[in-house]
Amino acid sequence: MKIIVTGGAGFIGSAVIRHILSDTDHQVLNIDKLTYAGDLSTLESVSRSPHYEFLQADICDVAAMQQAFADFKPDAVMHLAAESHVDRSIDGPMVFLQTNIMGTATLLEVAREYWLELEAGRKENFRFHHISTDEVFGSLGESGLFTEQTPYDPRSPYSASKAGSDHLARAWMNTYGLPTVVSNCSNNYGPYQFPEKLIPLMILNALDGQPLPVYGDGQQVRDWLYVEDHARALYRILTEAKPGATYNVGGHNEKTNLEVVQTLCALLDERRPRAQGSYAELITYVDDRPGHDRRYAIDAGKIARDLGWKPQETFDTGLARTVDWYLEHQDWCSGIQQGKYQRQRLGLKG
């Protein structure tokens, strides 16, 4: 297969490309704008593969996308390019609407025009896989799980923009017949995650002896999914799901934010002890994020039943691997922050 991956220099996209190029014979065209969160060093291990190509382009650029499809002639698209940080969407929502909604609409329309011209066999097998988030479902109470039938109830500019893009992907199938599939995932973590996100932010702050800011009371619950498990799930959905299908992908790891930070502190206490005391002494409670959803939790039973996917990592094994990776890659952590982000607090405009 020839697969276009959008956003392939990002955290999840790069994991997907590493998986495809390491474990299959497929060809990949990585299309990425290289915004602040895009980093080609995440693909260094596979960048010299004869099966890999890179195009720096904006998914909102119709002409560039048309040319990319015409030149590469894909059999499938994995669409991961997106603005993805809730706090940033609070500070500047319009770029989220532009990239996540208009960019997705552009890709869908370019893909549709391309798909219509394919010969019958390739046309039938073509797939457009739109990758989304569980945040489109809003906030759960103390019990219950998100399923593929959960109504949408987005609460932030980020989640609203992703909800809009999900609806577009389904509309292009229902209206035009373009064979789309949609997946919604829980919180990812693992190697190469940009340090604005909770887990790498806490690791790097702890190592620098800086405060570990916990929003509100720290009792917000998230389901945590190791990024390499997610990459394997996405590839399976792309290659095995039927057009029109939706799958929720989760790690079966519900944890409060405070539990996550405390577990990180314990791992760092073992691996790189402070001169005095525990890293947990750096935990600092700060004002909560505006509109902060209280609880997310995914029922990933459908993908297990239909496609035989289950996560390989538990939260304990995945988090230990993640901490070890950041300890071993301090140079990458320093480089990714140069001129882009110095771990300052975002998302206070609400």
Protein backbone atom coordinates (compact mmCIF):
# COMPACT_ATOMS: atom_id res chain seq x y z
CA MET A 1 0.00 0.00 0.00
CA LYS A 2 0.90 3.64 -0.44
CA ILE A 3 -0.27 5.60 2.61
CA ILE A 4 -0.42 9.36 3.11
CA VAL A 5 0.01 10.26 6.80
CA THR A 6 -0.82 13.87 7.63
CA GLY A 7 0.79 15.31 10.75
CA GLY A 8 3.45 12.63 10.62
CA ALA A 9 6.06 14.78 12.36
CA GLY A 10 3.82 15.07 15.42
CA PHE A 11 3.69 12.86 18.48
CA ILE A 12 1.13 10.25 17.39
CA GLY A 13 1.77 10.62 13.67
CA SER A 14 5.47 9.87 14.02
CA ALA A 15 4.69 6.76 16.07
CA VAL A 16 2.34 5.61 13.31
CA ILE A 17 5.01 6.13 10.63
CA ARG A 18 7.69 4.37 12.68
CA HIS A 19 5.34 1.41 13.11
CA ILE A 20 4.40 1.19 9.41
CA LEU A 21 7.96 1.51 8.11
CA SER A 22 9.44 -0.83 10.74
CA ASP A 23 6.82 -3.57 10.61
CA THR A 24 5.34 -3.53 7.08
CA ASP A 25 6.44 -3.09 3.46
CA HIS A 26 4.09 -0.18 2.79
CA GLN A 27 5.20 3.20 1.46
CA VAL A 28 4.49 6.40 3.39
CA LEU A 29 4.23 10.03 2.37
CA ASN A 30 4.42 12.21 5.46
CA ILE A 31 2.68 15.57 4.96
CA ASP A 32 3.38 18.01 7.79
CA LYS A 33 3.39 21.78 8.09
CA LEU A 34 6.06 21.61 10.81
CA THR A 35 4.37 23.87 13.33
CA TYR A 36 5.85 24.30 16.80
CA ALA A 37 4.91 20.70 17.71
CA GLY A 38 6.28 19.09 14.54
CA ASP A 39 9.75 17.60 14.75
CA LEU A 40 11.37 15.46 12.06
CA SER A 41 13.93 14.10 14.53
CA THR A 42 11.13 11.83 15.79
CA LEU A 43 11.48 9.95 12.47
CA GLU A 44 15.26 9.74 12.36
CA SER A 45 15.20 5.94 12.75
CA VAL A 46 13.16 5.49 9.55
CA SER A 47 13.87 8.67 7.56
CA ARG A 48 16.37 6.98 5.25
CA SER A 49 13.96 4.17 4.33
CA PRO A 50 13.35 3.93 0.55
CA HIS A 51 9.66 3.60 1.47
CA TYR A 52 9.51 7.05 3.12
CA GLU A 53 8.88 10.50 1.63
CA PHE A 54 8.30 13.85 3.31
CA LEU A 55 6.39 16.89 2.08
CA GLN A 56 6.28 20.10 4.10
CA ALA A 57 2.86 21.56 3.32
CA ASP A 58 -0.29 22.93 4.91
CA ILE A 59 -3.35 20.67 4.66
CA CYS A 60 -5.42 23.82 4.00
CA ASP A 61 -3.48 24.41 0.76
CA VAL A 62 -5.76 22.90 -1.89
CA ALA A 63 -3.23 23.01 -4.73
CA ALA A 64 -0.47 21.43 -2.62
CA MET A 65 -2.78 18.62 -1.51
CA GLN A 66 -3.99 17.97 -5.05
CA GLN A 67 -0.40 17.76 -6.27
CA ALA A 68 0.55 15.43 -3.41
CA PHE A 69 -2.26 13.03 -4.25
CA ALA A 70 -1.49 13.17 -7.97
CA ASP A 71 2.22 12.50 -7.47
CA PHE A 72 2.09 9.86 -4.71
CA LYS A 73 -1.11 8.07 -5.80
CA PRO A 74 -2.14 6.83 -2.34
CA ASP A 75 -4.22 3.77 -1.51
CA ALA A 76 -5.13 5.24 1.88
CA VAL A 77 -4.95 8.37 4.02
CA MET A 78 -4.34 8.51 7.77
CA HIS A 79 -5.32 12.02 8.82
CA LEU A 80 -3.65 13.05 12.08
CA ALA A 81 -2.67 16.65 11.31
CA ALA A 82 -4.33 18.86 13.92
CA GLU A 83 -3.87 21.51 16.54
CA SER A 84 -4.24 19.44 19.67
CA HIS A 85 -3.62 21.24 22.97
CA VAL A 86 -6.70 22.36 24.91
CA ASP A 87 -4.88 25.18 26.73
CA ARG A 88 -3.66 26.64 23.43
CA SER A 89 -7.20 26.46 22.02
CA ILE A 90 -8.39 28.63 24.91
CA ASP A 91 -5.74 31.25 24.14
CA GLY A 92 -6.21 31.17 20.36
CA PRO A 93 -9.23 29.25 19.06
CA MET A 94 -9.24 30.42 15.45
CA VAL A 95 -6.17 28.48 14.35
CA PHE A 96 -7.84 25.34 15.71
CA LEU A 97 -10.91 25.96 13.58
CA GLN A 98 -8.78 26.66 10.52
CA THR A 99 -6.56 23.58 10.77
CA ASN A 100 -8.93 21.06 12.31
CA ILE A 101 -12.11 21.93 10.42
CA MET A 102 -11.07 23.66 7.20
CA GLY A 103 -7.96 21.51 6.84
CA THR A 104 -9.99 18.34 7.23
CA ALA A 105 -12.61 19.58 4.75
CA THR A 106 -9.84 20.37 2.25
CA LEU A 107 -8.32 16.91 2.58
CA LEU A 108 -11.68 15.18 2.29
CA GLU A 109 -12.56 17.06 -0.87
CA VAL A 110 -9.15 16.50 -2.46
CA ALA A 111 -9.35 12.82 -1.52
CA ARG A 112 -12.84 12.56 -2.99
CA GLU A 113 -11.77 14.07 -6.30
CA TYR A 114 -8.81 11.68 -6.43
CA TRP A 115 -10.88 8.65 -5.37
CA LEU A 116 -13.50 9.25 -8.07
CA GLU A 117 -10.85 8.79 -10.76
CA LEU A 118 -9.47 5.49 -9.43
CA GLU A 119 -10.07 2.25 -11.29
CA ALA A 120 -12.69 -0.03 -9.73
CA GLY A 121 -10.47 -2.25 -7.56
CA ARG A 122 -8.40 0.56 -6.08
CA LYS A 123 -11.52 2.66 -5.63
CA GLU A 124 -13.21 -0.06 -3.59
CA ASN A 125 -10.19 -0.61 -1.35
CA PHE A 126 -9.35 3.08 -0.76
CA ARG A 127 -9.69 4.32 2.84
CA PHE A 128 -9.67 7.73 4.50
CA HIS A 129 -8.99 7.23 8.21
CA HIS A 130 -9.75 10.29 10.32
CA ILE A 131 -8.08 10.16 13.76
CA SER A 132 -9.84 12.03 16.57
CA THR A 133 -10.17 12.26 20.35
CA ASP A 134 -12.48 11.16 23.14
CA GLU A 135 -12.79 14.82 24.15
CA VAL A 136 -15.55 15.24 21.55
CA PHE A 137 -17.86 13.38 23.95
CA GLY A 138 -17.60 15.93 26.75
CA SER A 139 -17.40 15.02 30.42
CA LEU A 140 -18.56 11.85 32.16
CA GLY A 141 -19.95 11.55 35.66
CA GLU A 142 -18.38 9.30 38.25
CA SER A 143 -19.47 6.17 36.37
CA GLY A 144 -19.98 5.08 32.78
CA LEU A 145 -17.77 4.88 29.70
CA PHE A 146 -17.65 6.53 26.29
CA THR A 147 -18.84 4.17 23.57
CA GLU A 148 -19.11 4.59 19.82
CA GLN A 149 -22.75 5.61 20.38
CA THR A 150 -22.07 8.33 22.97
CA PRO A 151 -23.58 11.67 21.85
CA TYR A 152 -21.13 14.45 21.12
CA ASP A 153 -20.86 17.21 23.74
CA PRO A 154 -17.56 19.09 23.21
CA ARG A 155 -16.62 21.69 25.86
CA SER A 156 -13.46 23.42 24.59
CA PRO A 157 -12.52 25.09 21.30
CA TYR A 158 -10.17 22.15 20.66
CA SER A 159 -12.77 19.44 21.22
CA ALA A 160 -15.40 21.39 19.29
CA SER A 161 -13.07 21.67 16.30
CA LYS A 162 -12.35 17.93 16.43
CA ALA A 163 -16.06 17.15 16.72
CA GLY A 164 -16.66 19.24 13.62
CA SER A 165 -13.98 17.35 11.70
CA ASP A 166 -15.47 13.99 12.77
CA HIS A 167 -18.84 15.06 11.40
CA LEU A 168 -17.24 16.14 8.14
CA ALA A 169 -15.55 12.75 7.65
CA ARG A 170 -18.88 10.97 8.12
CA ALA A 171 -20.71 13.47 5.91
CA TRP A 172 -18.28 12.90 3.02
CA MET A 173 -19.08 9.19 3.20
CA ASN A 174 -22.84 9.57 3.59
CA THR A 175 -23.14 12.23 0.90
CA TYR A 176 -20.43 11.28 -1.60
CA GLY A 177 -19.60 7.66 -0.78
CA LEU A 178 -15.97 8.37 0.12
CA PRO A 179 -14.95 5.34 2.25
CA THR A 180 -14.06 6.94 5.59
CA VAL A 181 -13.44 5.47 9.03
CA VAL A 182 -13.17 7.43 12.28
CA SER A 183 -11.39 6.60 15.53
CA ASN A 184 -11.51 8.42 18.86
CA CYS A 185 -8.69 7.86 21.34
CA SER A 186 -8.01 8.56 24.99
CA ASN A 187 -5.00 10.51 26.32
CA ASN A 188 -1.76 9.36 24.68
CA TYR A 189 1.64 9.33 26.35
CA GLY A 190 5.09 8.00 25.52
CA PRO A 191 8.34 8.98 23.76
CA TYR A 192 8.65 12.23 21.77
CA GLN A 193 5.61 13.96 23.28
CA PHE A 194 5.83 17.75 23.17
CA PRO A 195 6.39 19.06 26.73
CA GLU A 196 3.20 21.14 26.91
CA LYS A 197 1.35 17.89 27.76
CA LEU A 198 0.99 16.66 31.33
CA ILE A 199 3.41 13.72 31.54
CA PRO A 200 6.50 15.20 29.79
CA LEU A 201 5.88 18.56 31.47
CA MET A 202 5.93 16.95 34.91
CA ILE A 203 9.04 14.88 34.16
CA LEU A 204 11.02 17.86 32.88
CA ASN A 205 9.88 20.21 35.64
CA ALA A 206 10.75 17.63 38.28
CA LEU A 207 14.24 17.10 36.90
CA ASP A 208 14.78 20.88 36.97
CA GLY A 209 13.45 21.19 40.52
CA GLN A 210 10.55 23.34 39.33
CA PRO A 211 6.97 23.22 40.68
CA LEU A 212 4.71 20.46 39.36
CA PRO A 213 1.47 22.37 38.62
CA VAL A 214 -1.66 20.30 39.21
CA TYR A 215 -4.88 21.93 37.98
CA GLY A 216 -7.63 22.40 40.58
CA ASP A 217 -7.85 19.48 43.01
CA GLY A 218 -6.12 17.06 40.63
CA GLN A 219 -9.08 14.68 40.66
CA GLN A 220 -9.85 14.96 36.94
CA VAL A 221 -9.86 11.43 35.50
CA ARG A 222 -8.36 10.41 32.15
CA ASP A 223 -7.83 7.07 30.44
CA TRP A 224 -4.18 6.73 29.42
CA LEU A 225 -3.01 5.03 26.21
CA TYR A 226 0.63 4.30 25.35
CA VAL A 227 1.34 5.88 21.98
CA GLU A 228 2.85 2.76 20.39
CA ASP A 229 -0.25 0.78 21.34
CA HIS A 230 -2.31 3.50 19.67
CA ALA A 231 -0.17 3.34 16.52
CA ARG A 232 -0.80 -0.40 16.25
CA ALA A 233 -4.53 0.17 16.71
CA LEU A 234 -4.66 2.85 14.02
CA TYR A 235 -2.90 0.64 11.49
CA ARG A 236 -5.31 -2.20 12.23
CA ILE A 237 -8.31 0.11 11.80
CA LEU A 238 -6.94 1.41 8.50
CA THR A 239 -6.35 -2.05 7.06
CA GLU A 240 -9.28 -4.01 8.51
CA ALA A 241 -12.20 -1.67 9.32
CA LYS A 242 -15.16 -1.43 6.99
CA PRO A 243 -16.10 1.95 5.49
CA GLY A 244 -18.30 3.95 7.84
CA ALA A 245 -16.97 2.25 10.97
CA THR A 246 -16.09 4.11 14.16
CA TYR A 247 -13.77 2.76 16.84
CA ASN A 248 -12.88 4.01 20.29
CA VAL A 249 -9.28 3.30 21.29
CA GLY A 250 -8.37 3.33 24.98
CA GLY A 251 -5.76 1.94 27.31
CA HIS A 252 -8.05 0.69 30.12
CA ASN A 253 -6.11 2.94 32.51
CA GLU A 254 -8.33 5.39 34.37
CA LYS A 255 -6.21 7.61 36.59
CA THR A 256 -6.70 10.98 38.23
CA ASN A 257 -4.22 13.64 37.18
CA LEU A 258 -2.87 13.66 40.73
CA GLU A 259 -2.31 9.90 40.62
CA VAL A 260 -0.36 10.29 37.39
CA VAL A 261 1.89 12.97 38.86
CA GLN A 262 2.44 11.02 42.08
CA THR A 263 3.36 7.88 40.12
CA LEU A 264 5.82 9.88 38.02
CA CYS A 265 7.39 11.25 41.18
CA ALA A 266 7.79 7.75 42.61
CA LEU A 267 9.45 6.52 39.40
CA LEU A 268 11.84 9.47 39.37
CA ASP A 269 12.61 8.94 43.07
CA GLU A 270 13.80 5.42 42.13
CA ARG A 271 15.67 6.32 38.96
CA ARG A 272 17.15 9.73 39.70
CA PRO A 273 16.79 10.56 43.42
CA ARG A 274 16.89 14.15 44.59
CA ALA A 275 19.62 15.25 46.97
CA GLN A 276 16.94 15.64 49.63
CA GLY A 277 13.32 14.56 49.80
CA SER A 278 10.91 13.30 47.17
CA TYR A 279 9.87 14.87 43.88
CA ALA A 280 6.32 14.76 45.25
CA GLU A 281 7.26 17.74 47.44
CA LEU A 282 7.26 19.84 44.23
CA ILE A 283 3.53 19.24 43.59
CA THR A 284 1.76 22.61 43.53
CA TYR A 285 -1.99 23.14 43.11
CA VAL A 286 -2.90 25.92 40.68
CA ASP A 287 -6.14 27.43 39.38
CA ASP A 288 -8.05 24.97 37.24
CA ARG A 289 -8.34 25.22 33.46
CA PRO A 290 -11.50 27.07 32.34
CA GLY A 291 -14.19 24.53 31.43
CA HIS A 292 -12.02 21.59 32.51
CA ASP A 293 -13.85 18.28 31.83
CA ARG A 294 -14.01 16.16 34.96
CA ARG A 295 -13.75 12.62 33.65
CA TYR A 296 -13.07 10.75 30.41
CA ALA A 297 -13.13 6.95 30.12
CA ILE A 298 -13.31 4.79 27.01
CA ASP A 299 -14.98 1.45 26.37
CA ALA A 300 -12.57 -0.12 23.86
CA GLY A 301 -14.51 -3.37 23.65
CA LYS A 302 -15.60 -2.94 20.04
CA ILE A 303 -12.08 -2.76 18.59
CA ALA A 304 -11.13 -5.82 20.67
CA ARG A 305 -14.12 -7.80 19.40
CA ASP A 306 -14.02 -6.70 15.76
CA LEU A 307 -10.32 -6.32 15.09
CA GLY A 308 -8.60 -8.25 17.90
CA TRP A 309 -6.67 -5.22 19.20
CA LYS A 310 -5.79 -4.79 22.85
CA PRO A 311 -3.09 -2.59 24.41
CA GLN A 312 0.19 -4.34 25.12
CA GLU A 313 1.28 -1.89 27.82
CA THR A 314 -0.27 -1.45 31.24
CA PHE A 315 -0.12 2.02 32.75
CA ASP A 316 2.73 0.95 35.03
CA THR A 317 4.86 -0.57 32.25
CA GLY A 318 4.10 2.22 29.78
CA LEU A 319 4.83 4.99 32.25
CA ALA A 320 8.09 3.36 33.33
CA ARG A 321 9.17 3.09 29.68
CA THR A 322 8.21 6.74 29.18
CA VAL A 323 10.19 8.01 32.17
CA ASP A 324 13.23 5.98 31.10
CA TRP A 325 13.00 7.41 27.58
CA TYR A 326 12.92 11.02 28.81
CA LEU A 327 15.82 10.39 31.16
CA GLU A 328 17.83 8.99 28.25
CA HIS A 329 16.87 11.76 25.79
CA GLN A 330 17.53 15.00 27.67
CA ASP A 331 19.15 16.51 24.56
CA TRP A 332 15.95 16.02 22.55
CA CYS A 333 13.92 17.59 25.34
CA SER A 334 16.19 20.63 25.40
CA GLY A 335 16.25 21.02 21.64
CA ILE A 336 12.48 20.77 21.14
CA GLN A 337 11.93 23.68 23.51
CA GLN A 338 14.39 26.10 21.90
CA GLY A 339 12.45 29.21 20.92
CA LYS A 340 9.13 27.37 20.93
CA TYR A 341 7.92 26.76 24.45
CA GLN A 342 9.52 27.12 27.87
CA ARG A 343 6.86 25.23 29.84
CA GLN A 344 4.93 28.38 30.68
CA ARG A 345 1.28 28.13 31.74
CA LEU A 346 -1.21 28.45 28.87
CA GLY A 347 -4.97 28.61 28.63
CA LEU A 348 -5.82 31.23 31.26
CA LYS A 349 -7.89 33.55 29.05
CA GLY A 350 -11.15 31.97 30.16
